[in-house]
Amino acid sequence: MEHIELFFKSIFIDNMVFATFLGMCSYLAVSKKVTTAVGLGAAVIFVLAVTVPINWLLDQYILRDGALVWLGEEYASYDLGFLSFILFIATIATMVQLVEIVVEKFSPSLYNSLGIFLPLIAVNCAILGGSLFMQSREIPTLGLALNYGISSGIGWFLAILAIAAIREKIRYSNVPAPLRGLGITFIITGLMAIGFMSFGGMLTGGDEETPSLDGNPENLGIQTEQIQNENTEIEKTVEVSTLTKQ
């Protein structure tokens, strides 16, 4: 259940583009064609799926305060958290270089259409944001870290795919001249962000937990006292209201 909740939450509720507006440079520049958007989106999914679990391991066994205890008790007091950005970006750059080599080898046309934005995935704030969010939210297991990497990548993929499809169709629409290009794209992005905000109710439903008595007289006494206090406050309010009217 925890994996399912994290999966859907990362895609729809905490979407990298529509919730935190990360990776907007590539999102705006490479979303003119669906085919190009699909290629870049797949690359982002791969990079996030690989780098987030690797960076989770680095955070757990190297970067956190006391993480080096596995080397010996004398290293338990070391805190290498200040190296987080350096190690995370190094991991991301390595994976992006691998993706660039593979895309250039097997799909030269996609490599040419992506241009400079393929190597720029290394400094894409959405990629680094995935690892930093994983660290700040203290994701407890490697499996959940892998889940978060894949699902956040899918969320970014859906965002760029949606805007690319809309931008292809909007070419045939009569858009006012001042809004053509990035203007109408920003407006559509804002409207889609508002739409994605509605998914926030997916995980907030359900009945609130009510305290049970469990047959404990102490709990019964506490609840009775609370009811009496509430009744006293109501009586005082009624008295004040009566005096005010008089």
Protein backbone atom coordinates (compact mmCIF):
# COMPACT_ATOMS: atom_id res chain seq x y z
CA MET A 1 0.00 0.00 0.00
CA GLU A 2 2.87 2.34 0.82
CA HIS A 3 4.40 1.78 -2.63
CA ILE A 4 1.07 2.41 -4.40
CA GLU A 5 0.46 5.59 -2.41
CA LEU A 6 3.96 6.94 -3.13
CA PHE A 7 3.64 6.02 -6.82
CA PHE A 8 0.40 7.92 -7.45
CA LYS A 9 1.32 10.79 -5.14
CA SER A 10 4.60 11.40 -7.01
CA ILE A 11 2.89 11.36 -10.41
CA PHE A 12 -0.26 13.37 -9.78
CA ILE A 13 -0.01 15.28 -6.49
CA ASP A 14 3.71 16.11 -6.18
CA ASN A 15 4.30 16.33 -9.93
CA MET A 16 7.75 17.77 -10.66
CA VAL A 17 6.41 20.28 -13.20
CA PHE A 18 2.94 21.18 -11.99
CA ALA A 19 3.55 21.12 -8.22
CA THR A 20 7.14 22.36 -7.86
CA PHE A 21 7.81 23.77 -11.37
CA LEU A 22 11.15 21.98 -11.70
CA GLY A 23 12.73 21.20 -15.06
CA MET A 24 10.88 24.02 -16.80
CA CYS A 25 13.72 24.89 -19.20
CA SER A 26 13.64 21.49 -20.93
CA TYR A 27 9.87 21.31 -20.51
CA LEU A 28 9.38 24.51 -22.51
CA ALA A 29 12.15 24.09 -25.06
CA VAL A 30 11.71 20.44 -26.10
CA SER A 31 7.91 20.27 -26.07
CA LYS A 32 7.25 21.48 -29.61
CA LYS A 33 6.92 17.94 -30.98
CA VAL A 34 5.49 14.83 -29.33
CA THR A 35 8.24 12.55 -30.64
CA THR A 36 10.97 14.73 -29.18
CA ALA A 37 9.10 15.06 -25.89
CA VAL A 38 8.73 11.28 -25.65
CA GLY A 39 12.46 10.78 -26.18
CA LEU A 40 13.48 13.32 -23.55
CA GLY A 41 10.81 12.09 -21.13
CA ALA A 42 12.06 8.51 -21.43
CA ALA A 43 15.61 9.69 -20.78
CA VAL A 44 14.46 11.58 -17.66
CA ILE A 45 12.62 8.49 -16.36
CA PHE A 46 15.75 6.37 -16.81
CA VAL A 47 18.06 8.89 -15.16
CA LEU A 48 15.74 9.39 -12.18
CA ALA A 49 15.12 5.64 -11.80
CA VAL A 50 18.88 5.01 -11.58
CA THR A 51 20.19 8.06 -9.75
CA VAL A 52 17.62 8.30 -6.94
CA PRO A 53 18.34 4.77 -5.55
CA ILE A 54 22.09 5.26 -5.97
CA ASN A 55 21.95 8.60 -4.18
CA TRP A 56 19.82 6.98 -1.47
CA LEU A 57 22.62 4.49 -0.85
CA LEU A 58 25.17 7.31 -0.79
CA ASP A 59 23.02 9.24 1.68
CA GLN A 60 22.46 6.24 3.95
CA TYR A 61 26.02 4.91 4.07
CA ILE A 62 28.24 7.95 3.45
CA LEU A 63 26.57 11.35 3.79
CA ARG A 64 24.35 11.22 6.87
CA ASP A 65 25.56 12.05 10.33
CA GLY A 66 27.03 8.83 11.70
CA ALA A 67 26.56 6.96 8.39
CA LEU A 68 30.23 5.90 8.35
CA VAL A 69 29.82 3.78 11.46
CA TRP A 70 30.11 0.69 9.25
CA LEU A 71 33.80 1.59 8.81
CA GLY A 72 34.37 1.55 12.56
CA GLU A 73 33.26 3.23 15.76
CA GLU A 74 35.88 5.97 15.33
CA TYR A 75 34.00 7.20 12.21
CA ALA A 76 30.58 7.40 13.92
CA SER A 77 30.90 11.13 14.60
CA TYR A 78 31.64 12.08 10.98
CA ASP A 79 29.03 14.09 9.06
CA LEU A 80 29.65 14.42 5.31
CA GLY A 81 26.32 16.02 4.50
CA PHE A 82 28.08 19.02 2.96
CA LEU A 83 29.14 16.74 0.09
CA SER A 84 25.54 15.92 -0.91
CA PHE A 85 25.36 18.25 -3.92
CA ILE A 86 28.76 17.19 -5.25
CA LEU A 87 28.11 13.44 -5.03
CA PHE A 88 24.52 13.69 -6.28
CA ILE A 89 25.50 15.75 -9.32
CA ALA A 90 28.44 13.43 -10.05
CA THR A 91 26.09 10.43 -10.06
CA ILE A 92 23.59 12.24 -12.28
CA ALA A 93 26.28 13.40 -14.73
CA THR A 94 27.57 9.84 -15.07
CA MET A 95 24.12 8.46 -15.89
CA VAL A 96 23.36 11.29 -18.31
CA GLN A 97 26.62 10.63 -20.14
CA LEU A 98 25.60 6.98 -20.48
CA VAL A 99 22.17 7.97 -21.83
CA GLU A 100 23.77 10.38 -24.31
CA ILE A 101 26.07 7.67 -25.66
CA VAL A 102 23.20 5.18 -26.05
CA VAL A 103 20.86 7.69 -27.76
CA GLU A 104 23.57 8.86 -30.14
CA LYS A 105 24.38 5.25 -31.03
CA PHE A 106 20.87 3.90 -31.60
CA SER A 107 18.82 7.00 -32.52
CA PRO A 108 20.90 9.73 -34.20
CA SER A 109 17.77 11.59 -35.34
CA LEU A 110 16.48 11.85 -31.76
CA TYR A 111 19.95 12.85 -30.59
CA ASN A 112 20.04 15.68 -33.12
CA SER A 113 16.50 16.84 -32.32
CA LEU A 114 17.21 16.98 -28.59
CA GLY A 115 20.40 18.91 -29.20
CA ILE A 116 22.02 20.55 -26.19
CA PHE A 117 19.09 19.64 -23.90
CA LEU A 118 20.11 15.98 -23.68
CA PRO A 119 23.47 16.63 -21.94
CA LEU A 120 21.80 19.42 -19.97
CA ILE A 121 19.75 16.76 -18.15
CA ALA A 122 22.81 16.59 -15.88
CA VAL A 123 21.97 20.05 -14.53
CA ASN A 124 18.20 19.69 -14.87
CA CYS A 125 16.73 20.84 -11.55
CA ALA A 126 14.05 18.12 -11.75
CA ILE A 127 16.73 15.40 -11.71
CA LEU A 128 18.63 16.91 -8.79
CA GLY A 129 15.32 17.76 -7.11
CA GLY A 130 14.33 14.08 -7.14
CA SER A 131 17.42 13.14 -5.12
CA LEU A 132 17.10 16.11 -2.76
CA PHE A 133 13.39 15.42 -2.14
CA MET A 134 14.28 11.79 -1.46
CA GLN A 135 16.82 12.98 1.11
CA SER A 136 14.61 15.62 2.76
CA ARG A 137 11.57 13.34 2.99
CA GLU A 138 13.73 10.62 4.54
CA ILE A 139 12.47 7.79 2.35
CA PRO A 140 13.14 4.74 4.51
CA THR A 141 13.98 1.92 2.07
CA LEU A 142 15.80 1.38 -1.21
CA GLY A 143 12.64 -0.02 -2.79
CA LEU A 144 10.69 3.13 -2.00
CA ALA A 145 13.56 5.24 -3.34
CA LEU A 146 13.43 3.30 -6.63
CA ASN A 147 9.64 3.71 -6.66
CA TYR A 148 9.97 7.45 -6.09
CA GLY A 149 12.57 7.83 -8.85
CA ILE A 150 10.45 6.00 -11.42
CA SER A 151 7.15 7.65 -10.45
CA SER A 152 8.55 11.19 -10.35
CA GLY A 153 10.10 10.56 -13.78
CA ILE A 154 6.75 9.34 -15.10
CA GLY A 155 5.12 12.48 -13.72
CA TRP A 156 7.60 14.70 -15.58
CA PHE A 157 7.14 12.56 -18.71
CA LEU A 158 3.34 12.98 -18.61
CA ALA A 159 3.71 16.73 -18.15
CA ILE A 160 5.98 17.26 -21.16
CA LEU A 161 3.95 14.81 -23.27
CA ALA A 162 0.72 16.66 -22.48
CA ILE A 163 2.09 20.10 -23.30
CA ALA A 164 3.74 18.80 -26.49
CA ALA A 165 0.46 17.34 -27.72
CA ILE A 166 -1.36 20.60 -26.96
CA ARG A 167 1.32 22.72 -28.64
CA GLU A 168 1.11 20.60 -31.79
CA LYS A 169 -2.65 21.14 -31.98
CA ILE A 170 -2.54 24.80 -31.01
CA ARG A 171 -0.59 25.65 -34.17
CA TYR A 172 -3.88 25.42 -36.05
CA SER A 173 -5.73 27.65 -33.55
CA ASN A 174 -6.24 31.37 -33.78
CA VAL A 175 -4.11 32.45 -30.82
CA PRO A 176 -3.87 36.23 -30.22
CA ALA A 177 -0.54 37.56 -31.49
CA PRO A 178 0.80 38.75 -28.09
CA LEU A 179 0.25 35.27 -26.60
CA ARG A 180 1.80 33.17 -29.35
CA GLY A 181 4.77 31.02 -28.40
CA LEU A 182 5.76 30.87 -24.75
CA GLY A 183 2.90 33.12 -23.63
CA ILE A 184 0.12 30.67 -24.38
CA THR A 185 2.36 27.80 -23.22
CA PHE A 186 2.72 29.38 -19.76
CA ILE A 187 -1.04 29.91 -19.57
CA ILE A 188 -1.78 26.29 -20.51
CA THR A 189 0.83 25.07 -18.01
CA GLY A 190 -0.81 27.10 -15.26
CA LEU A 191 -4.24 25.70 -16.12
CA MET A 192 -2.89 22.14 -16.12
CA ALA A 193 -1.20 22.80 -12.76
CA ILE A 194 -4.56 23.88 -11.34
CA GLY A 195 -6.10 20.71 -12.75
CA PHE A 196 -3.42 18.53 -11.17
CA MET A 197 -4.04 20.24 -7.81
CA SER A 198 -7.45 18.56 -7.78
CA PHE A 199 -5.70 15.19 -7.42
CA GLY A 200 -4.68 16.29 -3.91
CA GLY A 201 -7.98 14.93 -2.63
CA MET A 202 -7.04 11.39 -3.65
CA LEU A 203 -5.11 10.73 -0.44
CA THR A 204 -7.02 12.95 1.99
CA GLY A 205 -10.32 11.09 2.11
CA GLY A 206 -11.49 8.65 4.74
CA ASP A 207 -13.00 8.87 8.16
CA GLU A 208 -11.13 10.51 10.96
CA GLU A 209 -9.97 8.24 13.71
CA THR A 210 -12.09 8.51 16.84
CA PRO A 211 -10.60 7.62 20.22
CA SER A 212 -11.90 4.31 21.52
CA LEU A 213 -12.60 3.63 25.16
CA ASP A 214 -11.11 0.11 25.07
CA GLY A 215 -13.01 -0.63 28.30
CA ASN A 216 -10.64 1.63 30.23
CA PRO A 217 -12.37 3.62 33.01
CA GLU A 218 -9.68 6.31 32.78
CA ASN A 219 -10.51 6.97 29.13
CA LEU A 220 -14.20 7.11 30.02
CA GLY A 221 -13.51 9.63 32.76
CA ILE A 222 -11.40 11.82 30.46
CA GLN A 223 -14.08 11.81 27.78
CA THR A 224 -16.82 12.61 30.33
CA GLU A 225 -14.77 15.52 31.66
CA GLN A 226 -14.29 16.87 28.12
CA ILE A 227 -18.06 16.71 27.50
CA GLN A 228 -18.76 18.51 30.77
CA ASN A 229 -16.28 21.26 29.89
CA GLU A 230 -17.91 21.70 26.49
CA ASN A 231 -21.37 21.94 28.09
CA THR A 232 -20.09 24.54 30.58
CA GLU A 233 -18.66 26.66 27.76
CA ILE A 234 -21.98 26.47 25.90
CA GLU A 235 -23.89 27.56 29.02
CA LYS A 236 -21.56 30.52 29.53
CA THR A 237 -22.03 31.55 25.90
CA VAL A 238 -25.83 31.41 26.29
CA GLU A 239 -25.69 33.49 29.48
CA VAL A 240 -23.51 36.16 27.86
CA SER A 241 -25.81 36.29 24.88
CA THR A 242 -28.89 36.68 27.17
CA LEU A 243 -27.29 39.49 29.16
CA THR A 244 -26.34 41.27 25.95
CA LYS A 245 -29.90 41.20 24.69
CA GLN A 246 -31.23 42.55 28.03
